[in-house]
Amino acid sequence: MRGMRNHKVGLPWAFPGWIGRGMSWPYAYPDVTAYYIISWIIGAKKYHDLDIDYIGIWNERPFNSTYIKILRYALDKQDLQRVQIIASDDLWEPISFFMLTDSELHEAVSIIGAHYPGTETVKAAQLTLKKLWSSEDYSTFNNEVGSGCWARILNQNYVNGNMTATLAWNLVASYYEELPFGRCGLMTAQEPWSGHYSVNSPIWVTAHTTQFTQPGWYYLKVDGHLKKGGSFVALTDGLGNLTVIIETMTRNHSKCIRPPLPPYVVSPQKAVFHLKGSFSKLKSLQMWYSKLDFSTANSTLFQSLGPKNISEGILALNLGLDEIYTLTTLTTGHKGSSSEPPPSQPFPSIYKDDFNIRNPPFSEAPYFADQTGVFEYFINASDPGDHVFTLRQVVTQRPVTWALDATNTISIIGNYKWINFIITCDIYIESNKGGAFIAGRISKGGIYVPSAQGIFFWVFPDGTYRVTRDLAGVDILMKGLSGVRANRWHTLTLILKGSNISGMLNGYPLWENITTHSPENGWAAIGTHSFELTQFDNFHVEAS
């Protein structure tokens, strides 16, 4: 990332619990929140050599004018004048109205950023005379329709809404596909255990713009609507270079995940472009072409067509449907390639991790996906025995989150299609008020994790256990005494075979003869009853 040409943008989605001091609100003590954000910016440079250029307020949640002003003041006091503020990473309003009526706020904010604007802006935002960005967009399944969505909004965010930047969420779909927004990245790399990845078509749609422009280029003020549907934009570096990007995406082949797309029609057409000023002297432009094929799934992606001749400043093209053209003075275009990735493989049906890594180059254990809480490698210096290196849940206070979060911590792993399990894990509860679980057939994650179902085997340091069918712990299948205590290691085993489930503690049967038919499948998981320190070791799953 250090070598990236693009500007680096930070946006808080959540804040540590101590920021809110018991409240789910980051603005009660705005100076504390500003200090936290500035510490993150400084840390990004100190530890990762990343220069953060832009910082947001709070992802898709209310902004606070006082906080924004304090953040701007604090950035300047720390010699971070170059870091610009984006607000408010939600809708165009009410931030635009507030900026028009508050000169200090207007001065503090450099960019008005909206999420999923549908290529449209509002008058108030334009009246601020600030740069307008689609600061989060796309998040659409990365097939040809997703490519059509991306091609359309990359152009039309400027053509319709005067937005000079469009940020894709997300860049790489590198999470379990059954989590929310599965494969909603420009490319896919969701099998670290196999090494398989896929360079999906949105990557080549992106290249039509990014290979032939740079940050700092300018959009030319032209009417970018084609007569029979579609759009074009023209950009220049001010030094004689010109890039024109044309798209003719039809409605049904370019629907984004949101917002709804109004009806429109695109027809094949002959488009004639008149180059004016210094560009009228151009004799040719390099042409790159893509055609999204929805009938045979044999799309043409980012193909060089060589130079396109220009006669007396006139450029004529016959445009079909669902096509993208780039015409440019730049001769540096190149369709990169990579070696064939390893074949796709399901998650191993037998998997073990003892977490015995002395100096890990990262904090998270492979393949575990934390949905609530943070599970990190830990060196247990007080245990000279078999549990020196463990995995530890380390968040001890519920964060200030942007979406409804679970009150329990949970990290998932495995294959969502798994039905039958034997899960074993050692657990060490560090508080008398704590509790821990292992689980199988987890049904949900992400923003839906509070309502996740599964088979959860809980133990508590008061010597009790529970078996529930939900993370919330409301749907109780069985409960009883276990003898579990805090500050001792215990081994939990959960056996799921068809509709029959049973559990073991320290190698001995604890409960059995529970029958349940739902949920039918899902991931394995570990977690805690609340936000507390708990260690896990020797995780082992056999599943099918």
Protein backbone atom coordinates (compact mmCIF):
# COMPACT_ATOMS: atom_id res chain seq x y z
CA MET A 1 0.00 0.00 0.00
CA ARG A 2 2.94 2.36 0.61
CA GLY A 3 3.60 2.46 -3.13
CA MET A 4 0.02 3.28 -4.08
CA ARG A 5 -0.44 6.35 -6.24
CA ASN A 6 -3.93 6.97 -4.85
CA HIS A 7 -4.64 9.12 -1.84
CA LYS A 8 -5.16 7.27 1.43
CA VAL A 9 -8.48 7.69 3.17
CA GLY A 10 -9.41 6.77 6.74
CA LEU A 11 -12.98 6.42 7.99
CA PRO A 12 -14.00 5.24 11.49
CA TRP A 13 -16.72 2.60 11.46
CA ALA A 14 -16.47 2.02 15.21
CA PHE A 15 -14.69 3.50 18.21
CA PRO A 16 -13.27 1.90 21.38
CA GLY A 17 -15.74 1.77 24.22
CA TRP A 18 -13.69 4.16 26.35
CA ILE A 19 -14.34 6.90 23.77
CA GLY A 20 -18.03 6.88 24.68
CA ARG A 21 -17.43 6.36 28.42
CA GLY A 22 -20.39 4.00 28.63
CA MET A 23 -22.46 5.61 25.90
CA SER A 24 -22.84 4.45 22.29
CA TRP A 25 -21.94 7.93 21.12
CA PRO A 26 -18.47 9.18 20.12
CA TYR A 27 -19.16 12.91 20.42
CA ALA A 28 -19.85 13.35 24.15
CA TYR A 29 -16.17 14.17 24.64
CA PRO A 30 -15.14 15.47 21.20
CA ASP A 31 -11.61 16.37 22.22
CA VAL A 32 -11.01 12.76 23.34
CA THR A 33 -12.36 11.41 20.04
CA ALA A 34 -10.22 13.86 18.06
CA TYR A 35 -7.12 12.80 20.01
CA TYR A 36 -7.88 9.14 19.27
CA ILE A 37 -8.22 9.79 15.53
CA ILE A 38 -5.03 11.85 15.42
CA SER A 39 -3.17 9.10 17.30
CA TRP A 40 -4.33 6.65 14.63
CA ILE A 41 -3.11 8.93 11.83
CA ILE A 42 0.28 9.35 13.51
CA GLY A 43 0.49 5.60 14.17
CA ALA A 44 -0.27 4.81 10.53
CA LYS A 45 2.82 6.79 9.58
CA LYS A 46 5.05 5.64 12.44
CA TYR A 47 4.34 1.91 12.21
CA HIS A 48 3.28 1.40 8.58
CA ASP A 49 4.76 4.42 6.74
CA LEU A 50 1.29 5.42 5.53
CA ASP A 51 0.50 9.08 4.99
CA ILE A 52 -3.24 9.50 5.54
CA ASP A 53 -4.52 12.24 3.21
CA TYR A 54 -8.22 12.29 4.13
CA ILE A 55 -10.14 11.41 7.28
CA GLY A 56 -13.88 10.87 7.69
CA ILE A 57 -16.18 11.32 10.67
CA TRP A 58 -18.31 8.18 11.29
CA ASN A 59 -19.46 5.70 8.69
CA GLU A 60 -23.12 6.28 7.73
CA ARG A 61 -23.98 7.69 11.13
CA PRO A 62 -24.77 11.20 12.43
CA PHE A 63 -22.04 13.82 12.36
CA ASN A 64 -21.41 16.46 15.01
CA SER A 65 -20.40 19.98 13.97
CA THR A 66 -18.51 20.70 17.19
CA TYR A 67 -16.46 17.53 16.80
CA ILE A 68 -15.59 18.32 13.17
CA LYS A 69 -14.33 21.78 14.16
CA ILE A 70 -12.30 20.39 17.06
CA LEU A 71 -10.83 17.69 14.81
CA ARG A 72 -9.74 20.32 12.27
CA TYR A 73 -8.20 22.44 15.03
CA ALA A 74 -6.40 19.45 16.55
CA LEU A 75 -5.06 18.30 13.17
CA ASP A 76 -3.61 21.74 12.55
CA LYS A 77 -2.04 21.85 16.03
CA GLN A 78 -0.30 18.54 15.28
CA ASP A 79 1.12 19.89 11.98
CA LEU A 80 -1.31 17.71 10.04
CA GLN A 81 -2.71 20.53 7.93
CA ARG A 82 -2.35 18.32 4.84
CA VAL A 83 -4.96 15.88 6.22
CA GLN A 84 -8.33 16.96 4.84
CA ILE A 85 -11.71 16.19 6.39
CA ILE A 86 -14.48 14.37 4.50
CA ALA A 87 -18.05 14.71 5.79
CA SER A 88 -20.26 13.06 6.41
CA ASP A 89 -20.03 9.69 4.57
CA ASP A 90 -23.79 9.29 4.60
CA LEU A 91 -26.24 11.46 2.64
CA TRP A 92 -25.74 14.87 1.01
CA GLU A 93 -27.99 16.34 3.69
CA PRO A 94 -27.98 17.60 6.34
CA ILE A 95 -24.21 18.21 6.16
CA SER A 96 -24.55 20.51 3.13
CA PHE A 97 -27.18 22.69 4.84
CA PHE A 98 -25.10 22.93 8.02
CA MET A 99 -22.03 23.97 6.03
CA LEU A 100 -23.98 26.71 4.24
CA THR A 101 -25.13 28.16 7.56
CA ASP A 102 -21.92 27.69 9.59
CA SER A 103 -18.81 29.32 8.13
CA GLU A 104 -16.45 27.63 10.60
CA LEU A 105 -17.81 24.20 9.70
CA HIS A 106 -17.60 25.12 6.00
CA GLU A 107 -13.94 25.94 6.43
CA ALA A 108 -13.19 22.74 8.38
CA VAL A 109 -14.64 20.37 5.76
CA SER A 110 -12.72 19.93 2.51
CA ILE A 111 -14.81 17.23 0.81
CA ILE A 112 -18.52 16.44 0.99
CA GLY A 113 -18.76 12.68 0.69
CA ALA A 114 -21.99 10.76 0.14
CA HIS A 115 -22.56 7.00 0.04
CA TYR A 116 -24.41 5.34 -2.84
CA PRO A 117 -25.72 8.61 -4.29
CA GLY A 118 -27.21 6.99 -7.39
CA THR A 119 -25.10 9.37 -9.56
CA GLU A 120 -27.12 12.36 -8.27
CA THR A 121 -26.30 15.22 -5.95
CA VAL A 122 -28.39 18.03 -4.41
CA LYS A 123 -28.34 21.77 -4.95
CA ALA A 124 -27.19 22.58 -1.43
CA ALA A 125 -24.08 20.43 -1.84
CA GLN A 126 -23.19 22.21 -5.07
CA LEU A 127 -23.75 25.62 -3.46
CA THR A 128 -21.01 24.89 -0.91
CA LEU A 129 -18.49 24.96 -3.81
CA LYS A 130 -16.69 22.06 -2.13
CA LYS A 131 -15.41 18.99 -3.94
CA LEU A 132 -18.10 16.32 -4.11
CA TRP A 133 -17.23 12.65 -3.81
CA SER A 134 -19.08 9.39 -3.88
CA SER A 135 -17.04 8.32 -0.89
CA GLU A 136 -18.51 4.80 -0.90
CA ASP A 137 -20.15 3.12 -3.85
CA TYR A 138 -20.54 -0.16 -5.77
CA SER A 139 -20.71 -3.07 -3.20
CA THR A 140 -22.34 -5.19 -5.91
CA PHE A 141 -21.75 -8.87 -6.74
CA ASN A 142 -18.72 -8.94 -9.02
CA ASN A 143 -20.18 -10.64 -12.09
CA GLU A 144 -20.95 -8.91 -15.40
CA VAL A 145 -23.92 -7.02 -13.92
CA GLY A 146 -21.65 -5.75 -11.16
CA SER A 147 -19.18 -4.68 -13.85
CA GLY A 148 -21.96 -2.83 -15.66
CA CYS A 149 -22.90 -1.09 -12.42
CA TRP A 150 -19.31 -0.03 -11.85
CA ALA A 151 -18.79 1.20 -15.42
CA ARG A 152 -21.98 3.25 -15.31
CA ILE A 153 -21.41 4.97 -11.97
CA LEU A 154 -17.71 5.64 -12.60
CA ASN A 155 -18.79 7.88 -15.47
CA GLN A 156 -22.20 9.09 -14.40
CA ASN A 157 -21.25 10.11 -10.87
CA TYR A 158 -19.50 13.00 -12.61
CA VAL A 159 -21.84 13.41 -15.59
CA ASN A 160 -24.98 13.64 -13.43
CA GLY A 161 -23.64 14.64 -10.04
CA ASN A 162 -20.33 16.51 -10.53
CA MET A 163 -18.57 14.00 -8.27
CA THR A 164 -14.86 13.94 -8.99
CA ALA A 165 -14.06 10.77 -7.05
CA THR A 166 -15.79 7.41 -6.66
CA LEU A 167 -14.51 5.00 -3.99
CA ALA A 168 -15.36 1.32 -4.35
CA TRP A 169 -16.40 -0.72 -1.34
CA ASN A 170 -14.83 -3.14 -1.29
CA LEU A 171 -11.61 -3.61 -3.23
CA VAL A 172 -11.06 -7.33 -2.60
CA ALA A 173 -13.73 -9.77 -1.40
CA SER A 174 -11.48 -11.62 1.04
CA TYR A 175 -14.01 -12.92 3.57
CA TYR A 176 -16.31 -15.93 3.76
CA GLU A 177 -18.74 -15.63 0.85
CA GLU A 178 -21.82 -16.36 2.96
CA LEU A 179 -21.17 -13.30 5.11
CA PRO A 180 -23.08 -10.15 4.10
CA PHE A 181 -22.01 -8.70 0.75
CA GLY A 182 -20.36 -11.90 -0.43
CA ARG A 183 -18.17 -11.33 -3.49
CA CYS A 184 -18.98 -7.62 -3.50
CA GLY A 185 -15.38 -6.68 -4.26
CA LEU A 186 -13.65 -5.69 -7.48
CA MET A 187 -11.90 -9.06 -7.30
CA THR A 188 -12.18 -12.17 -5.12
CA ALA A 189 -9.63 -13.84 -2.83
CA GLN A 190 -11.65 -15.75 -0.24
CA GLU A 191 -9.70 -19.01 0.05
CA PRO A 192 -6.41 -18.36 1.83
CA TRP A 193 -6.20 -22.07 2.66
CA SER A 194 -6.04 -22.96 -1.06
CA GLY A 195 -4.47 -19.79 -2.48
CA HIS A 196 -7.21 -19.57 -5.10
CA TYR A 197 -8.30 -16.14 -6.28
CA SER A 198 -10.22 -14.62 -9.18
CA VAL A 199 -9.51 -11.41 -11.08
CA ASN A 200 -13.13 -10.53 -11.79
CA SER A 201 -14.37 -8.29 -14.58
CA PRO A 202 -14.81 -5.13 -12.42
CA ILE A 203 -11.01 -4.99 -12.24
CA TRP A 204 -10.82 -4.43 -16.00
CA VAL A 205 -13.68 -1.92 -15.90
CA THR A 206 -11.60 -0.01 -13.36
CA ALA A 207 -8.58 -0.12 -15.65
CA HIS A 208 -10.47 1.80 -18.34
CA THR A 209 -10.23 4.83 -16.04
CA THR A 210 -7.30 4.29 -13.70
CA GLN A 211 -4.69 3.25 -16.27
CA PHE A 212 -5.19 6.44 -18.24
CA THR A 213 -5.68 9.09 -15.55
CA GLN A 214 -3.95 10.08 -12.34
CA PRO A 215 -5.06 11.83 -9.16
CA GLY A 216 -4.84 15.51 -10.00
CA TRP A 217 -6.22 15.24 -13.53
CA TYR A 218 -9.22 17.43 -14.33
CA TYR A 219 -12.62 16.60 -15.76
CA LEU A 220 -13.46 18.72 -18.80
CA LYS A 221 -16.83 20.45 -18.53
CA VAL A 222 -18.83 18.78 -21.28
CA ASP A 223 -22.36 17.40 -21.50
CA GLY A 224 -21.49 13.76 -21.03
CA HIS A 225 -24.87 12.31 -22.00
CA LEU A 226 -24.93 10.36 -25.26
CA LYS A 227 -27.98 11.00 -27.44
CA LYS A 228 -29.22 7.40 -27.40
CA GLY A 229 -28.19 6.57 -23.86
CA GLY A 230 -24.90 6.01 -22.12
CA SER A 231 -22.32 8.56 -21.11
CA PHE A 232 -18.79 9.82 -21.61
CA VAL A 233 -16.27 11.80 -19.60
CA ALA A 234 -13.10 13.56 -20.71
CA LEU A 235 -10.10 14.22 -18.48
CA THR A 236 -6.79 16.01 -18.94
CA ASP A 237 -3.63 16.52 -16.96
CA GLY A 238 -3.33 20.08 -18.27
CA LEU A 239 -0.09 19.13 -20.01
CA GLY A 240 -1.54 18.03 -23.32
CA ASN A 241 -2.80 14.55 -22.43
CA LEU A 242 -6.43 13.59 -22.96
CA THR A 243 -8.46 10.56 -21.91
CA VAL A 244 -12.08 9.93 -22.91
CA ILE A 245 -14.08 7.08 -21.32
CA ILE A 246 -17.39 6.01 -22.91
CA GLU A 247 -19.96 3.55 -21.52
CA THR A 248 -23.24 2.26 -22.95
CA MET A 249 -24.53 0.13 -20.08
CA THR A 250 -28.15 -0.98 -20.40
CA ARG A 251 -30.37 -0.76 -17.34
CA ASN A 252 -30.89 -4.46 -16.63
CA HIS A 253 -27.17 -5.13 -17.07
CA SER A 254 -25.91 -2.38 -14.75
CA LYS A 255 -28.06 -2.44 -11.62
CA CYS A 256 -26.09 -1.72 -8.48
CA ILE A 257 -27.07 -3.17 -5.12
CA ARG A 258 -28.50 0.26 -4.25
CA PRO A 259 -30.18 2.66 -4.78
CA PRO A 260 -32.98 1.56 -7.16
CA LEU A 261 -32.22 2.39 -10.78
CA PRO A 262 -34.96 4.30 -12.66
CA PRO A 263 -35.96 3.06 -16.13
CA TYR A 264 -33.93 4.25 -19.11
CA VAL A 265 -33.11 3.04 -22.62
CA VAL A 266 -29.80 2.69 -24.46
CA SER A 267 -29.70 2.01 -28.21
CA PRO A 268 -26.86 1.32 -30.65
CA GLN A 269 -25.64 4.63 -32.02
CA LYS A 270 -23.01 6.49 -33.96
CA ALA A 271 -21.31 9.01 -31.69
CA VAL A 272 -19.33 11.90 -33.14
CA PHE A 273 -16.92 13.80 -30.88
CA HIS A 274 -15.50 17.20 -31.84
CA LEU A 275 -12.10 17.90 -30.31
CA LYS A 276 -11.49 21.60 -29.69
CA GLY A 277 -8.53 23.79 -28.83
CA SER A 278 -5.15 22.12 -28.67
CA PHE A 279 -6.80 18.69 -28.86
CA SER A 280 -8.05 19.44 -32.38
CA LYS A 281 -4.53 18.83 -33.64
CA LEU A 282 -4.49 15.22 -32.48
CA LYS A 283 -4.17 12.72 -35.32
CA SER A 284 -5.05 9.60 -33.34
CA LEU A 285 -5.87 8.25 -29.90
CA GLN A 286 -5.08 4.84 -28.43
CA MET A 287 -8.30 2.83 -28.05
CA TRP A 288 -9.16 0.21 -25.42
CA TYR A 289 -12.38 -1.77 -25.49
CA SER A 290 -14.60 -3.98 -23.32
CA LYS A 291 -17.88 -5.70 -24.17
CA LEU A 292 -19.93 -7.31 -21.41
CA ASP A 293 -21.55 -10.34 -23.00
CA PHE A 294 -24.66 -11.52 -21.16
CA SER A 295 -25.71 -14.16 -23.68
CA THR A 296 -22.59 -16.33 -23.91
CA ALA A 297 -20.71 -15.10 -20.81
CA ASN A 298 -17.74 -14.61 -23.12
CA SER A 299 -17.01 -10.97 -22.43
CA THR A 300 -14.23 -8.99 -24.06
CA LEU A 301 -12.32 -7.27 -21.29
CA PHE A 302 -9.83 -4.43 -21.66
CA GLN A 303 -8.67 -5.20 -25.18
CA SER A 304 -6.26 -2.89 -26.99
CA LEU A 305 -7.60 -1.91 -30.42
CA GLY A 306 -4.57 0.18 -31.32
CA PRO A 307 -4.72 3.78 -32.57
CA LYS A 308 -8.02 5.32 -33.66
CA ASN A 309 -7.53 7.94 -36.37
CA ILE A 310 -8.92 11.45 -35.98
CA SER A 311 -9.77 13.62 -38.98
CA GLU A 312 -9.72 17.39 -38.50
CA GLY A 313 -10.61 17.08 -34.85
CA ILE A 314 -13.55 14.74 -35.49
CA LEU A 315 -13.73 11.31 -33.88
CA ALA A 316 -16.58 8.98 -34.89
CA LEU A 317 -17.47 5.68 -33.22
CA ASN A 318 -20.20 3.11 -33.74
CA LEU A 319 -21.31 2.17 -30.24
CA GLY A 320 -23.11 -1.03 -29.32
CA LEU A 321 -24.73 -2.01 -26.03
CA ASP A 322 -22.92 -2.75 -22.75
CA GLU A 323 -19.61 -1.49 -24.10
CA ILE A 324 -16.77 0.55 -22.66
CA TYR A 325 -14.25 2.51 -24.70
CA THR A 326 -11.21 4.42 -23.57
CA LEU A 327 -9.52 6.77 -26.04
CA THR A 328 -6.32 8.34 -24.82
CA THR A 329 -3.10 10.06 -25.75
CA LEU A 330 -1.28 7.81 -23.29
CA THR A 331 0.57 4.85 -24.77
CA THR A 332 1.32 3.16 -21.44
CA GLY A 333 -1.82 1.00 -21.27
CA HIS A 334 -1.19 -2.64 -20.47
CA LYS A 335 -3.40 -5.56 -19.56
CA GLY A 336 -1.51 -7.24 -16.79
CA SER A 337 -1.46 -10.97 -16.27
CA SER A 338 -0.65 -13.38 -13.50
CA SER A 339 0.13 -17.02 -13.13
CA GLU A 340 -2.79 -19.43 -12.96
CA PRO A 341 -4.00 -19.51 -9.35
CA PRO A 342 -4.25 -22.81 -7.47
CA PRO A 343 -7.59 -24.58 -7.94
CA SER A 344 -10.46 -23.72 -5.63
CA GLN A 345 -10.78 -26.00 -2.60
CA PRO A 346 -13.30 -26.10 0.24
CA PHE A 347 -12.09 -25.39 3.75
CA PRO A 348 -10.30 -28.49 5.12
CA SER A 349 -12.74 -30.85 6.80
CA ILE A 350 -10.12 -31.54 9.47
CA TYR A 351 -8.42 -28.47 10.88
CA LYS A 352 -6.23 -27.89 13.95
CA ASP A 353 -4.53 -24.82 15.40
CA ASP A 354 -2.51 -24.77 18.62
CA PHE A 355 -1.61 -21.06 18.15
CA ASN A 356 2.03 -21.85 18.95
CA ILE A 357 3.64 -18.92 17.16
CA ARG A 358 6.34 -17.15 19.17
CA ASN A 359 6.71 -13.98 17.08
CA PRO A 360 3.71 -13.78 14.77
CA PRO A 361 3.93 -11.15 11.99
CA PHE A 362 0.22 -10.48 12.53
CA SER A 363 -2.21 -10.54 15.43
CA GLU A 364 -5.04 -12.73 14.10
CA ALA A 365 -5.00 -16.49 13.73
CA PRO A 366 -5.49 -17.77 10.18
CA TYR A 367 -9.03 -18.32 8.90
CA PHE A 368 -10.78 -17.09 12.05
CA ALA A 369 -13.12 -14.21 11.17
CA ASP A 370 -14.00 -12.05 14.17
CA GLN A 371 -17.62 -10.88 13.99
CA THR A 372 -17.73 -9.22 17.40
CA GLY A 373 -14.73 -8.69 19.65
CA VAL A 374 -11.05 -9.16 18.80
CA PHE A 375 -9.22 -12.48 19.06
CA GLU A 376 -5.41 -12.12 19.07
CA TYR A 377 -2.33 -14.24 19.55
CA PHE A 378 -1.22 -14.10 23.18
CA ILE A 379 1.85 -15.19 25.13
CA ASN A 380 0.66 -16.50 28.48
CA ALA A 381 3.77 -15.82 30.55
CA SER A 382 2.10 -17.08 33.74
CA ASP A 383 1.65 -20.59 32.31
CA PRO A 384 4.93 -22.49 31.86
CA GLY A 385 3.07 -25.58 30.67
CA ASP A 386 1.10 -26.45 27.55
CA HIS A 387 -0.70 -23.12 27.19
CA VAL A 388 2.06 -20.54 26.76
CA PHE A 389 0.85 -19.53 23.29
CA THR A 390 -2.90 -19.03 23.03
CA LEU A 391 -5.62 -17.06 21.27
CA ARG A 392 -7.17 -14.41 23.49
CA GLN A 393 -10.31 -12.29 23.25
CA VAL A 394 -9.02 -8.86 24.28
CA VAL A 395 -11.88 -6.33 24.04
CA THR A 396 -13.15 -5.67 27.57
CA GLN A 397 -15.69 -2.93 26.85
CA ARG A 398 -18.41 -2.90 24.24
CA PRO A 399 -17.30 -0.63 21.37
CA VAL A 400 -19.18 2.34 19.96
CA THR A 401 -20.33 0.66 16.76
CA TRP A 402 -21.94 1.95 13.58
CA ALA A 403 -24.40 -0.98 13.40
CA LEU A 404 -26.24 -3.01 16.01
CA ASP A 405 -23.64 -5.31 17.51
CA ALA A 406 -23.92 -8.49 19.53
CA THR A 407 -23.43 -8.36 23.29
CA ASN A 408 -21.28 -11.51 22.98
CA THR A 409 -17.98 -11.87 21.15
CA ILE A 410 -17.71 -14.46 18.39
CA SER A 411 -15.18 -15.55 15.78
CA ILE A 412 -16.25 -17.93 13.01
CA ILE A 413 -14.22 -20.41 10.98
CA GLY A 414 -14.72 -23.15 8.42
CA ASN A 415 -17.25 -24.00 5.75
CA TYR A 416 -20.80 -22.67 5.84
CA LYS A 417 -22.04 -25.92 4.29
CA TRP A 418 -20.82 -28.04 7.20
CA ILE A 419 -23.54 -30.13 8.88
CA ASN A 420 -21.80 -32.70 11.09
CA PHE A 421 -19.12 -31.53 13.54
CA ILE A 422 -16.79 -32.60 16.27
CA ILE A 423 -15.33 -29.40 17.74
CA THR A 424 -12.81 -29.42 20.57
CA CYS A 425 -11.14 -26.43 22.19
CA ASP A 426 -9.42 -25.60 25.47
CA ILE A 427 -10.80 -22.51 27.21
CA TYR A 428 -9.53 -20.33 30.07
CA ILE A 429 -11.98 -17.83 31.54
CA GLU A 430 -10.08 -15.01 33.26
CA SER A 431 -12.97 -13.43 35.17
CA ASN A 432 -15.53 -14.75 37.63
CA LYS A 433 -18.15 -12.83 35.66
CA GLY A 434 -17.20 -14.34 32.33
CA GLY A 435 -18.25 -17.23 30.17
CA ALA A 436 -17.10 -18.96 26.99
CA PHE A 437 -18.51 -21.12 24.22
CA ILE A 438 -17.71 -23.29 21.26
CA ALA A 439 -20.35 -23.64 18.57
CA GLY A 440 -21.31 -25.14 15.24
CA ARG A 441 -23.79 -24.49 12.44
CA ILE A 442 -23.52 -20.71 12.83
CA SER A 443 -26.10 -19.19 10.50
CA LYS A 444 -25.19 -15.49 10.30
CA GLY A 445 -22.38 -12.99 10.60
CA GLY A 446 -21.57 -9.36 10.01
CA ILE A 447 -24.33 -6.90 10.86
CA TYR A 448 -26.74 -9.81 11.31
CA VAL A 449 -24.67 -11.61 13.94
CA PRO A 450 -26.87 -10.54 16.91
CA SER A 451 -29.59 -12.85 15.57
CA ALA A 452 -27.22 -15.67 14.65
CA GLN A 453 -28.47 -19.18 15.27
CA GLY A 454 -26.40 -22.32 15.76
CA ILE A 455 -25.64 -24.88 18.45
CA PHE A 456 -23.78 -23.10 21.28
CA PHE A 457 -22.11 -24.93 24.16
CA TRP A 458 -21.56 -22.39 26.96
CA VAL A 459 -19.70 -22.76 30.25
CA PHE A 460 -19.60 -20.25 33.09
CA PRO A 461 -17.23 -19.81 36.05
CA ASP A 462 -20.09 -20.30 38.51
CA GLY A 463 -19.98 -23.98 37.59
CA THR A 464 -22.94 -24.05 35.19
CA TYR A 465 -23.36 -24.76 31.49
CA ARG A 466 -25.98 -24.09 28.85
CA VAL A 467 -26.75 -25.34 25.38
CA THR A 468 -28.58 -22.79 23.25
CA ARG A 469 -29.75 -22.50 19.68
CA ASP A 470 -28.83 -18.82 19.41
CA LEU A 471 -25.95 -16.47 20.17
CA ALA A 472 -28.22 -14.31 22.31
CA GLY A 473 -28.64 -17.30 24.66
CA VAL A 474 -32.43 -17.07 24.79
CA ASP A 475 -33.38 -20.36 23.08
CA ILE A 476 -32.09 -22.79 25.72
CA LEU A 477 -31.99 -26.49 24.83
CA MET A 478 -30.38 -27.74 28.05
CA LYS A 479 -28.63 -26.42 31.16
CA GLY A 480 -27.00 -27.84 34.25
CA LEU A 481 -23.88 -28.01 36.42
CA SER A 482 -20.38 -28.41 35.00
CA GLY A 483 -17.88 -27.59 37.74
CA VAL A 484 -16.07 -25.10 35.50
CA ARG A 485 -14.14 -22.38 37.35
CA ALA A 486 -12.30 -19.24 36.32
CA ASN A 487 -8.52 -19.22 35.92
CA ARG A 488 -8.38 -22.92 35.05
CA TRP A 489 -8.07 -24.65 31.72
CA HIS A 490 -11.00 -26.77 30.59
CA THR A 491 -11.54 -28.74 27.39
CA LEU A 492 -14.91 -28.44 25.66
CA THR A 493 -16.12 -30.85 22.98
CA LEU A 494 -19.26 -30.36 20.90
CA ILE A 495 -20.57 -33.24 18.77
CA LEU A 496 -23.19 -32.55 16.10
CA LYS A 497 -24.37 -35.55 14.10
CA GLY A 498 -27.51 -34.99 12.11
CA SER A 499 -30.27 -34.00 14.51
CA ASN A 500 -28.42 -35.43 17.54
CA ILE A 501 -26.06 -33.28 19.61
CA SER A 502 -23.97 -33.93 22.70
CA GLY A 503 -21.18 -32.30 24.67
CA MET A 504 -18.13 -33.29 26.69
CA LEU A 505 -16.08 -31.53 29.37
CA ASN A 506 -12.45 -32.48 29.95
CA GLY A 507 -12.93 -35.69 27.98
CA TYR A 508 -16.05 -36.89 29.84
CA PRO A 509 -19.69 -36.73 28.67
CA LEU A 510 -21.49 -33.74 30.20
CA TRP A 511 -24.78 -33.76 28.29
CA GLU A 512 -26.37 -35.75 25.50
CA ASN A 513 -29.65 -36.86 23.94
CA ILE A 514 -30.57 -33.42 22.61
CA THR A 515 -32.41 -33.51 19.31
CA THR A 516 -32.75 -30.48 17.06
CA HIS A 517 -33.38 -30.00 13.35
CA SER A 518 -32.34 -26.38 13.02
CA PRO A 519 -30.16 -24.79 11.96
CA GLU A 520 -29.06 -27.39 9.44
CA ASN A 521 -25.59 -26.09 8.57
CA GLY A 522 -23.10 -23.30 9.21
CA TRP A 523 -19.63 -22.35 10.44
CA ALA A 524 -17.79 -23.40 13.59
CA ALA A 525 -17.13 -20.69 16.18
CA ILE A 526 -15.58 -19.70 19.48
CA GLY A 527 -16.55 -16.78 21.68
CA THR A 528 -17.35 -15.27 25.05
CA HIS A 529 -20.50 -14.42 26.99
CA SER A 530 -19.63 -10.72 27.16
CA PHE A 531 -16.66 -8.46 26.53
CA GLU A 532 -14.06 -10.09 28.76
CA LEU A 533 -10.59 -11.60 28.63
CA THR A 534 -10.76 -15.28 27.73
CA GLN A 535 -8.14 -17.57 26.20
CA PHE A 536 -8.57 -20.39 23.70
CA ASP A 537 -6.08 -23.10 22.77
CA ASN A 538 -5.79 -26.32 20.77
CA PHE A 539 -8.75 -25.69 18.51
CA HIS A 540 -9.70 -28.79 16.51
CA VAL A 541 -12.63 -29.38 14.19
CA GLU A 542 -13.65 -32.39 12.12
CA ALA A 543 -16.64 -31.71 9.94
CA SER A 544 -18.59 -32.78 6.90
